[in-house]
Amino acid sequence: MMPLSMLKNLNPSNLEEAKKLLATANLPLAGWLDHLENTLVTLDGNKVTGTISAEIYNQKALLRSLVISEAYRGQGLGILLTKSLLRELKEKDIKDVFLLTTTARDFFTRLGFKEITWDDLPDIPSAELNGACPKTATAMHQQLLKP
């Protein structure tokens, strides 16, 4: 079993490695580069082992691009990244977090997300919501702060 990774904010030195990790998971890069300030990575030394991002629009956020390197799966890194990002979003007074997933509905349900319809998604200028993610993806929501 590999050691758990350290949690960090994405920086220029690990940008290319994070992009490769997203590509290996077939996750869309469209719009991702526009939200790097809200991206976390886990590292084993200098190696990127996982990443997650959020697009922030006023008091709403779109969680996206959660991926863990295959060799590091099953160690809780997805939970660590997701809970850490949700905590950061709550500290930024984000009230609602949305996401789209094609493979991790059960994972996000365990973390408090509820399935919603695509019609319930916010009207935000996200590439992810506007064609980068397939319409077959499951839409989900979690309320972080009461209105």
N, C-alpha and C. Protein backbone atom coordinates (compact mmCIF):
# COMPACT_ATOMS: atom_id res chain seq x y z
N MET A 1 0.84 -1.19 0.00
CA MET A 1 0.00 0.00 0.00
C MET A 1 0.88 1.24 0.00
N MET A 2 0.52 2.20 -0.83
CA MET A 2 1.30 3.43 -0.95
C MET A 2 0.94 4.38 0.19
N PRO A 3 1.85 5.26 0.56
CA PRO A 3 1.53 6.23 1.61
C PRO A 3 0.51 7.25 1.12
N LEU A 4 -0.30 7.77 2.05
CA LEU A 4 -1.25 8.81 1.67
C LEU A 4 -0.51 10.05 1.22
N SER A 5 -1.09 10.74 0.29
CA SER A 5 -0.48 11.92 -0.29
C SER A 5 -0.74 13.16 0.55
N MET A 6 0.07 14.18 0.30
CA MET A 6 -0.13 15.49 0.91
C MET A 6 -1.11 16.29 0.08
N LEU A 7 -1.94 17.08 0.74
CA LEU A 7 -2.92 17.94 0.07
C LEU A 7 -2.32 19.32 -0.14
N LYS A 8 -2.43 19.84 -1.35
CA LYS A 8 -1.87 21.16 -1.69
C LYS A 8 -2.78 21.86 -2.68
N ASN A 9 -2.59 23.17 -2.82
CA ASN A 9 -3.23 23.90 -3.92
C ASN A 9 -2.41 23.63 -5.16
N LEU A 10 -3.07 23.57 -6.30
CA LEU A 10 -2.37 23.39 -7.56
C LEU A 10 -1.43 24.56 -7.78
N ASN A 11 -0.23 24.28 -8.29
CA ASN A 11 0.70 25.36 -8.64
C ASN A 11 1.30 25.05 -10.01
N PRO A 12 1.97 26.03 -10.60
CA PRO A 12 2.49 25.84 -11.96
C PRO A 12 3.38 24.61 -12.13
N SER A 13 4.07 24.20 -11.06
CA SER A 13 4.98 23.06 -11.20
C SER A 13 4.25 21.74 -11.38
N ASN A 14 2.98 21.66 -10.95
CA ASN A 14 2.27 20.39 -11.14
C ASN A 14 1.07 20.50 -12.07
N LEU A 15 0.97 21.59 -12.81
CA LEU A 15 -0.14 21.79 -13.74
C LEU A 15 -0.17 20.73 -14.84
N GLU A 16 0.95 20.50 -15.51
CA GLU A 16 0.97 19.54 -16.62
C GLU A 16 0.65 18.13 -16.15
N GLU A 17 1.16 17.76 -14.99
CA GLU A 17 0.89 16.43 -14.46
C GLU A 17 -0.60 16.27 -14.10
N ALA A 18 -1.21 17.32 -13.56
CA ALA A 18 -2.63 17.29 -13.25
C ALA A 18 -3.45 17.17 -14.54
N LYS A 19 -3.05 17.89 -15.59
CA LYS A 19 -3.75 17.80 -16.88
C LYS A 19 -3.68 16.38 -17.44
N LYS A 20 -2.52 15.75 -17.32
CA LYS A 20 -2.38 14.37 -17.81
C LYS A 20 -3.28 13.41 -17.03
N LEU A 21 -3.38 13.63 -15.73
CA LEU A 21 -4.24 12.78 -14.90
C LEU A 21 -5.70 12.91 -15.34
N LEU A 22 -6.13 14.13 -15.62
CA LEU A 22 -7.50 14.34 -16.11
C LEU A 22 -7.69 13.65 -17.46
N ALA A 23 -6.71 13.76 -18.33
CA ALA A 23 -6.81 13.14 -19.66
C ALA A 23 -6.91 11.62 -19.55
N THR A 24 -6.15 11.02 -18.64
CA THR A 24 -6.20 9.55 -18.50
C THR A 24 -7.57 9.08 -18.03
N ALA A 25 -8.30 9.96 -17.33
CA ALA A 25 -9.64 9.61 -16.85
C ALA A 25 -10.72 10.07 -17.82
N ASN A 26 -10.31 10.60 -18.99
CA ASN A 26 -11.24 11.10 -19.99
C ASN A 26 -12.15 12.20 -19.45
N LEU A 27 -11.61 13.01 -18.53
CA LEU A 27 -12.38 14.14 -18.00
C LEU A 27 -12.10 15.37 -18.87
N PRO A 28 -13.13 16.17 -19.14
CA PRO A 28 -12.96 17.31 -20.03
C PRO A 28 -12.06 18.39 -19.43
N LEU A 29 -11.21 18.95 -20.26
CA LEU A 29 -10.36 20.07 -19.85
C LEU A 29 -11.03 21.41 -20.16
N ALA A 30 -12.08 21.40 -20.96
CA ALA A 30 -12.75 22.64 -21.35
C ALA A 30 -13.17 23.43 -20.11
N GLY A 31 -12.68 24.65 -20.00
CA GLY A 31 -13.00 25.52 -18.88
C GLY A 31 -12.18 25.28 -17.63
N TRP A 32 -11.50 24.16 -17.54
CA TRP A 32 -10.74 23.81 -16.33
C TRP A 32 -9.64 24.83 -16.06
N LEU A 33 -8.94 25.24 -17.09
CA LEU A 33 -7.82 26.18 -16.91
C LEU A 33 -8.29 27.54 -16.40
N ASP A 34 -9.58 27.84 -16.56
CA ASP A 34 -10.11 29.12 -16.10
C ASP A 34 -10.38 29.15 -14.60
N HIS A 35 -10.21 28.02 -13.91
CA HIS A 35 -10.57 27.93 -12.50
C HIS A 35 -9.46 27.27 -11.66
N LEU A 36 -8.24 27.47 -12.05
CA LEU A 36 -7.13 26.80 -11.36
C LEU A 36 -6.96 27.27 -9.92
N GLU A 37 -7.42 28.48 -9.61
CA GLU A 37 -7.28 28.98 -8.24
C GLU A 37 -8.16 28.20 -7.27
N ASN A 38 -9.09 27.42 -7.79
CA ASN A 38 -9.98 26.59 -6.96
C ASN A 38 -9.70 25.11 -7.20
N THR A 39 -8.43 24.77 -7.41
CA THR A 39 -8.04 23.40 -7.69
C THR A 39 -7.08 22.90 -6.61
N LEU A 40 -7.38 21.72 -6.10
CA LEU A 40 -6.52 21.07 -5.12
C LEU A 40 -5.90 19.83 -5.75
N VAL A 41 -4.72 19.46 -5.29
CA VAL A 41 -4.07 18.23 -5.70
C VAL A 41 -3.57 17.50 -4.47
N THR A 42 -3.42 16.20 -4.61
CA THR A 42 -2.69 15.43 -3.62
C THR A 42 -1.38 15.02 -4.28
N LEU A 43 -0.35 14.98 -3.46
CA LEU A 43 0.99 14.69 -3.97
C LEU A 43 1.64 13.59 -3.16
N ASP A 44 2.40 12.76 -3.84
CA ASP A 44 3.31 11.81 -3.22
C ASP A 44 4.69 12.28 -3.65
N GLY A 45 5.37 13.00 -2.78
CA GLY A 45 6.59 13.69 -3.19
C GLY A 45 6.18 14.81 -4.14
N ASN A 46 6.66 14.78 -5.37
CA ASN A 46 6.26 15.75 -6.37
C ASN A 46 5.26 15.18 -7.37
N LYS A 47 4.88 13.93 -7.20
CA LYS A 47 3.97 13.26 -8.13
C LYS A 47 2.52 13.57 -7.77
N VAL A 48 1.74 14.07 -8.75
CA VAL A 48 0.32 14.34 -8.55
C VAL A 48 -0.42 13.00 -8.50
N THR A 49 -1.11 12.76 -7.40
CA THR A 49 -1.84 11.50 -7.23
C THR A 49 -3.36 11.68 -7.33
N GLY A 50 -3.81 12.93 -7.25
CA GLY A 50 -5.24 13.21 -7.36
C GLY A 50 -5.48 14.69 -7.53
N THR A 51 -6.65 15.03 -8.03
CA THR A 51 -7.01 16.43 -8.21
C THR A 51 -8.52 16.60 -8.16
N ILE A 52 -8.94 17.80 -7.81
CA ILE A 52 -10.35 18.20 -7.81
C ILE A 52 -10.40 19.72 -8.02
N SER A 53 -11.47 20.19 -8.65
CA SER A 53 -11.61 21.62 -8.92
C SER A 53 -13.03 22.07 -8.64
N ALA A 54 -13.19 23.39 -8.58
CA ALA A 54 -14.52 23.99 -8.50
C ALA A 54 -14.55 25.24 -9.35
N GLU A 55 -15.66 25.42 -10.02
CA GLU A 55 -15.94 26.67 -10.71
C GLU A 55 -16.89 27.44 -9.80
N ILE A 56 -16.56 28.69 -9.48
CA ILE A 56 -17.38 29.49 -8.57
C ILE A 56 -18.09 30.58 -9.36
N TYR A 57 -19.41 30.67 -9.13
CA TYR A 57 -20.25 31.68 -9.75
C TYR A 57 -21.13 32.27 -8.66
N ASN A 58 -20.75 33.45 -8.16
CA ASN A 58 -21.45 34.08 -7.04
C ASN A 58 -21.49 33.12 -5.86
N GLN A 59 -22.67 32.71 -5.42
CA GLN A 59 -22.75 31.82 -4.26
C GLN A 59 -23.03 30.38 -4.64
N LYS A 60 -22.75 30.06 -5.92
CA LYS A 60 -22.91 28.70 -6.41
C LYS A 60 -21.55 28.20 -6.92
N ALA A 61 -21.35 26.89 -6.82
CA ALA A 61 -20.11 26.30 -7.33
C ALA A 61 -20.43 25.01 -8.07
N LEU A 62 -19.61 24.74 -9.06
CA LEU A 62 -19.69 23.48 -9.79
C LEU A 62 -18.43 22.70 -9.46
N LEU A 63 -18.60 21.59 -8.75
CA LEU A 63 -17.48 20.73 -8.43
C LEU A 63 -17.16 19.91 -9.67
N ARG A 64 -15.89 19.80 -10.01
CA ARG A 64 -15.54 19.07 -11.23
C ARG A 64 -14.14 18.48 -11.14
N SER A 65 -13.89 17.56 -12.05
CA SER A 65 -12.55 17.06 -12.30
C SER A 65 -11.92 16.34 -11.11
N LEU A 66 -12.72 15.55 -10.39
CA LEU A 66 -12.15 14.71 -9.34
C LEU A 66 -11.59 13.45 -9.99
N VAL A 67 -10.31 13.23 -9.80
CA VAL A 67 -9.69 12.01 -10.31
C VAL A 67 -8.52 11.64 -9.40
N ILE A 68 -8.39 10.34 -9.18
CA ILE A 68 -7.28 9.80 -8.39
C ILE A 68 -6.50 8.86 -9.30
N SER A 69 -5.19 8.99 -9.28
CA SER A 69 -4.33 8.10 -10.05
C SER A 69 -4.64 6.65 -9.66
N GLU A 70 -4.70 5.79 -10.65
CA GLU A 70 -5.11 4.40 -10.42
C GLU A 70 -4.32 3.72 -9.30
N ALA A 71 -3.04 3.97 -9.22
CA ALA A 71 -2.19 3.33 -8.20
C ALA A 71 -2.52 3.81 -6.78
N TYR A 72 -3.26 4.91 -6.65
CA TYR A 72 -3.53 5.49 -5.33
C TYR A 72 -5.01 5.40 -4.94
N ARG A 73 -5.80 4.70 -5.73
CA ARG A 73 -7.22 4.57 -5.42
C ARG A 73 -7.42 3.65 -4.22
N GLY A 74 -8.52 3.88 -3.52
CA GLY A 74 -8.86 3.04 -2.37
C GLY A 74 -8.18 3.45 -1.08
N GLN A 75 -7.54 4.61 -1.07
CA GLN A 75 -6.85 5.08 0.13
C GLN A 75 -7.52 6.28 0.78
N GLY A 76 -8.66 6.69 0.26
CA GLY A 76 -9.39 7.81 0.83
C GLY A 76 -9.03 9.17 0.25
N LEU A 77 -8.25 9.19 -0.83
CA LEU A 77 -7.85 10.48 -1.40
C LEU A 77 -9.03 11.23 -2.01
N GLY A 78 -9.96 10.52 -2.62
CA GLY A 78 -11.14 11.17 -3.19
C GLY A 78 -11.97 11.84 -2.10
N ILE A 79 -12.11 11.16 -0.98
CA ILE A 79 -12.84 11.74 0.16
C ILE A 79 -12.09 12.94 0.70
N LEU A 80 -10.79 12.81 0.88
CA LEU A 80 -9.96 13.92 1.37
C LEU A 80 -10.08 15.14 0.46
N LEU A 81 -9.93 14.94 -0.84
CA LEU A 81 -10.01 16.06 -1.77
C LEU A 81 -11.40 16.70 -1.77
N THR A 82 -12.44 15.88 -1.82
CA THR A 82 -13.80 16.41 -1.88
C THR A 82 -14.15 17.17 -0.61
N LYS A 83 -13.92 16.58 0.55
CA LYS A 83 -14.25 17.25 1.81
C LYS A 83 -13.43 18.52 2.00
N SER A 84 -12.17 18.49 1.59
CA SER A 84 -11.32 19.69 1.71
C SER A 84 -11.84 20.82 0.83
N LEU A 85 -12.21 20.49 -0.41
CA LEU A 85 -12.73 21.51 -1.31
C LEU A 85 -14.08 22.03 -0.82
N LEU A 86 -14.95 21.16 -0.35
CA LEU A 86 -16.24 21.61 0.18
C LEU A 86 -16.05 22.54 1.37
N ARG A 87 -15.08 22.24 2.22
CA ARG A 87 -14.78 23.10 3.37
C ARG A 87 -14.32 24.48 2.89
N GLU A 88 -13.44 24.50 1.89
CA GLU A 88 -12.98 25.78 1.33
C GLU A 88 -14.13 26.57 0.71
N LEU A 89 -15.02 25.88 0.01
CA LEU A 89 -16.16 26.55 -0.60
C LEU A 89 -17.08 27.14 0.46
N LYS A 90 -17.30 26.41 1.53
CA LYS A 90 -18.14 26.90 2.62
C LYS A 90 -17.51 28.15 3.24
N GLU A 91 -16.19 28.15 3.40
CA GLU A 91 -15.49 29.32 3.94
C GLU A 91 -15.60 30.52 3.00
N LYS A 92 -15.84 30.29 1.72
CA LYS A 92 -16.03 31.36 0.74
C LYS A 92 -17.50 31.74 0.60
N ASP A 93 -18.34 31.26 1.53
CA ASP A 93 -19.78 31.55 1.56
C ASP A 93 -20.53 31.03 0.34
N ILE A 94 -20.06 29.92 -0.21
CA ILE A 94 -20.80 29.26 -1.29
C ILE A 94 -21.98 28.52 -0.66
N LYS A 95 -23.17 28.79 -1.19
CA LYS A 95 -24.38 28.18 -0.62
C LYS A 95 -24.70 26.82 -1.24
N ASP A 96 -24.49 26.69 -2.55
CA ASP A 96 -24.89 25.47 -3.25
C ASP A 96 -23.77 24.96 -4.13
N VAL A 97 -23.56 23.64 -4.09
CA VAL A 97 -22.55 23.00 -4.93
C VAL A 97 -23.25 21.98 -5.82
N PHE A 98 -22.94 22.05 -7.09
CA PHE A 98 -23.50 21.15 -8.09
C PHE A 98 -22.37 20.34 -8.71
N LEU A 99 -22.72 19.23 -9.34
CA LEU A 99 -21.72 18.45 -10.07
C LEU A 99 -22.42 17.57 -11.09
N LEU A 100 -21.63 17.11 -12.04
CA LEU A 100 -22.07 16.12 -13.02
C LEU A 100 -21.11 14.94 -12.92
N THR A 101 -21.64 13.74 -12.98
CA THR A 101 -20.78 12.56 -12.93
C THR A 101 -21.34 11.46 -13.82
N THR A 102 -20.43 10.75 -14.46
CA THR A 102 -20.83 9.59 -15.25
C THR A 102 -20.46 8.29 -14.54
N THR A 103 -19.62 8.38 -13.51
CA THR A 103 -19.11 7.15 -12.89
C THR A 103 -19.16 7.12 -11.36
N ALA A 104 -19.41 8.26 -10.71
CA ALA A 104 -19.22 8.31 -9.25
C ALA A 104 -20.47 8.76 -8.48
N ARG A 105 -21.64 8.44 -9.00
CA ARG A 105 -22.87 8.84 -8.32
C ARG A 105 -22.92 8.32 -6.88
N ASP A 106 -22.61 7.05 -6.68
CA ASP A 106 -22.66 6.46 -5.34
C ASP A 106 -21.64 7.12 -4.40
N PHE A 107 -20.45 7.40 -4.92
CA PHE A 107 -19.41 8.06 -4.12
C PHE A 107 -19.93 9.41 -3.61
N PHE A 108 -20.47 10.23 -4.51
CA PHE A 108 -20.93 11.55 -4.11
C PHE A 108 -22.18 11.49 -3.23
N THR A 109 -23.02 10.47 -3.43
CA THR A 109 -24.18 10.29 -2.56
C THR A 109 -23.72 10.06 -1.13
N ARG A 110 -22.68 9.25 -0.95
CA ARG A 110 -22.14 9.00 0.39
C ARG A 110 -21.60 10.27 1.04
N LEU A 111 -21.24 11.26 0.23
CA LEU A 111 -20.72 12.52 0.76
C LEU A 111 -21.80 13.61 0.86
N GLY A 112 -23.06 13.21 0.75
CA GLY A 112 -24.15 14.14 1.00
C GLY A 112 -24.77 14.80 -0.21
N PHE A 113 -24.36 14.43 -1.41
CA PHE A 113 -24.96 14.99 -2.62
C PHE A 113 -26.25 14.23 -2.94
N LYS A 114 -27.21 14.96 -3.50
CA LYS A 114 -28.49 14.38 -3.90
C LYS A 114 -28.63 14.52 -5.41
N GLU A 115 -29.20 13.49 -6.01
CA GLU A 115 -29.43 13.51 -7.46
C GLU A 115 -30.53 14.52 -7.79
N ILE A 116 -30.30 15.30 -8.85
CA ILE A 116 -31.27 16.28 -9.33
C ILE A 116 -31.40 16.12 -10.84
N THR A 117 -32.34 16.85 -11.44
CA THR A 117 -32.46 16.80 -12.89
C THR A 117 -31.54 17.86 -13.50
N TRP A 118 -31.26 17.72 -14.77
CA TRP A 118 -30.46 18.72 -15.47
C TRP A 118 -31.16 20.07 -15.45
N ASP A 119 -32.49 20.07 -15.43
CA ASP A 119 -33.25 21.32 -15.37
C ASP A 119 -33.02 22.05 -14.05
N ASP A 120 -32.62 21.33 -13.01
CA ASP A 120 -32.38 21.94 -11.70
C ASP A 120 -30.98 22.55 -11.58
N LEU A 121 -30.14 22.33 -12.59
CA LEU A 121 -28.79 22.91 -12.56
C LEU A 121 -28.87 24.43 -12.75
N PRO A 122 -27.95 25.16 -12.15
CA PRO A 122 -27.99 26.63 -12.29
C PRO A 122 -27.62 27.07 -13.70
N ASP A 123 -28.10 28.23 -14.06
CA ASP A 123 -27.77 28.82 -15.36
C ASP A 123 -26.46 29.59 -15.19
N ILE A 124 -25.35 28.89 -15.38
CA ILE A 124 -24.02 29.48 -15.22
C ILE A 124 -23.21 29.22 -16.50
N PRO A 125 -22.26 30.08 -16.80
CA PRO A 125 -21.49 29.94 -18.05
C PRO A 125 -20.35 28.92 -17.95
N SER A 126 -20.69 27.71 -17.59
CA SER A 126 -19.69 26.66 -17.42
C SER A 126 -19.59 25.79 -18.67
N ALA A 127 -18.38 25.60 -19.16
CA ALA A 127 -18.17 24.70 -20.31
C ALA A 127 -18.64 23.29 -19.97
N GLU A 128 -18.46 22.91 -18.72
CA GLU A 128 -18.87 21.58 -18.26
C GLU A 128 -20.38 21.37 -18.45
N LEU A 129 -21.17 22.39 -18.13
CA LEU A 129 -22.62 22.30 -18.25
C LEU A 129 -23.11 22.57 -19.66
N ASN A 130 -22.26 23.16 -20.47
CA ASN A 130 -22.68 23.57 -21.81
C ASN A 130 -22.01 22.76 -22.91
N GLY A 131 -21.93 21.45 -22.69
CA GLY A 131 -21.48 20.56 -23.75
C GLY A 131 -20.23 19.75 -23.48
N ALA A 132 -19.38 20.16 -22.53
CA ALA A 132 -18.15 19.40 -22.27
C ALA A 132 -18.45 18.07 -21.58
N CYS A 133 -19.52 18.04 -20.80
CA CYS A 133 -19.92 16.81 -20.11
C CYS A 133 -21.17 16.26 -20.81
N PRO A 134 -21.24 14.96 -21.02
CA PRO A 134 -22.38 14.40 -21.75
C PRO A 134 -23.70 14.53 -20.99
N LYS A 135 -24.78 14.67 -21.73
CA LYS A 135 -26.11 14.80 -21.13
C LYS A 135 -26.54 13.52 -20.40
N THR A 136 -25.80 12.44 -20.58
CA THR A 136 -26.10 11.20 -19.86
C THR A 136 -25.55 11.23 -18.44
N ALA A 137 -24.76 12.25 -18.11
CA ALA A 137 -24.18 12.36 -16.76
C ALA A 137 -25.29 12.61 -15.74
N THR A 138 -25.06 12.13 -14.53
CA THR A 138 -25.98 12.36 -13.42
C THR A 138 -25.68 13.73 -12.82
N ALA A 139 -26.71 14.55 -12.68
CA ALA A 139 -26.58 15.86 -12.04
C ALA A 139 -26.84 15.69 -10.55
N MET A 140 -26.03 16.39 -9.72
CA MET A 140 -26.17 16.27 -8.27
C MET A 140 -26.01 17.63 -7.62
N HIS A 141 -26.50 17.74 -6.38
CA HIS A 141 -26.48 19.00 -5.64
C HIS A 141 -26.26 18.74 -4.16
N GLN A 142 -25.58 19.69 -3.51
CA GLN A 142 -25.46 19.69 -2.05
C GLN A 142 -25.56 21.14 -1.60
N GLN A 143 -26.41 21.38 -0.61
CA GLN A 143 -26.51 22.72 -0.04
C GLN A 143 -25.48 22.82 1.10
N LEU A 144 -24.57 23.80 0.99
CA LEU A 144 -23.54 23.99 2.01
C LEU A 144 -24.00 24.94 3.11
N LEU A 145 -24.66 26.02 2.69
CA LEU A 145 -25.14 27.04 3.64
C LEU A 145 -26.61 27.29 3.40
N LYS A 146 -27.34 27.51 4.45
CA LYS A 146 -28.77 27.82 4.33
C LYS A 146 -28.91 29.22 3.73
N PRO A 147 -29.92 29.42 2.85
CA PRO A 147 -30.11 30.74 2.23
C PRO A 147 -30.50 31.79 3.24
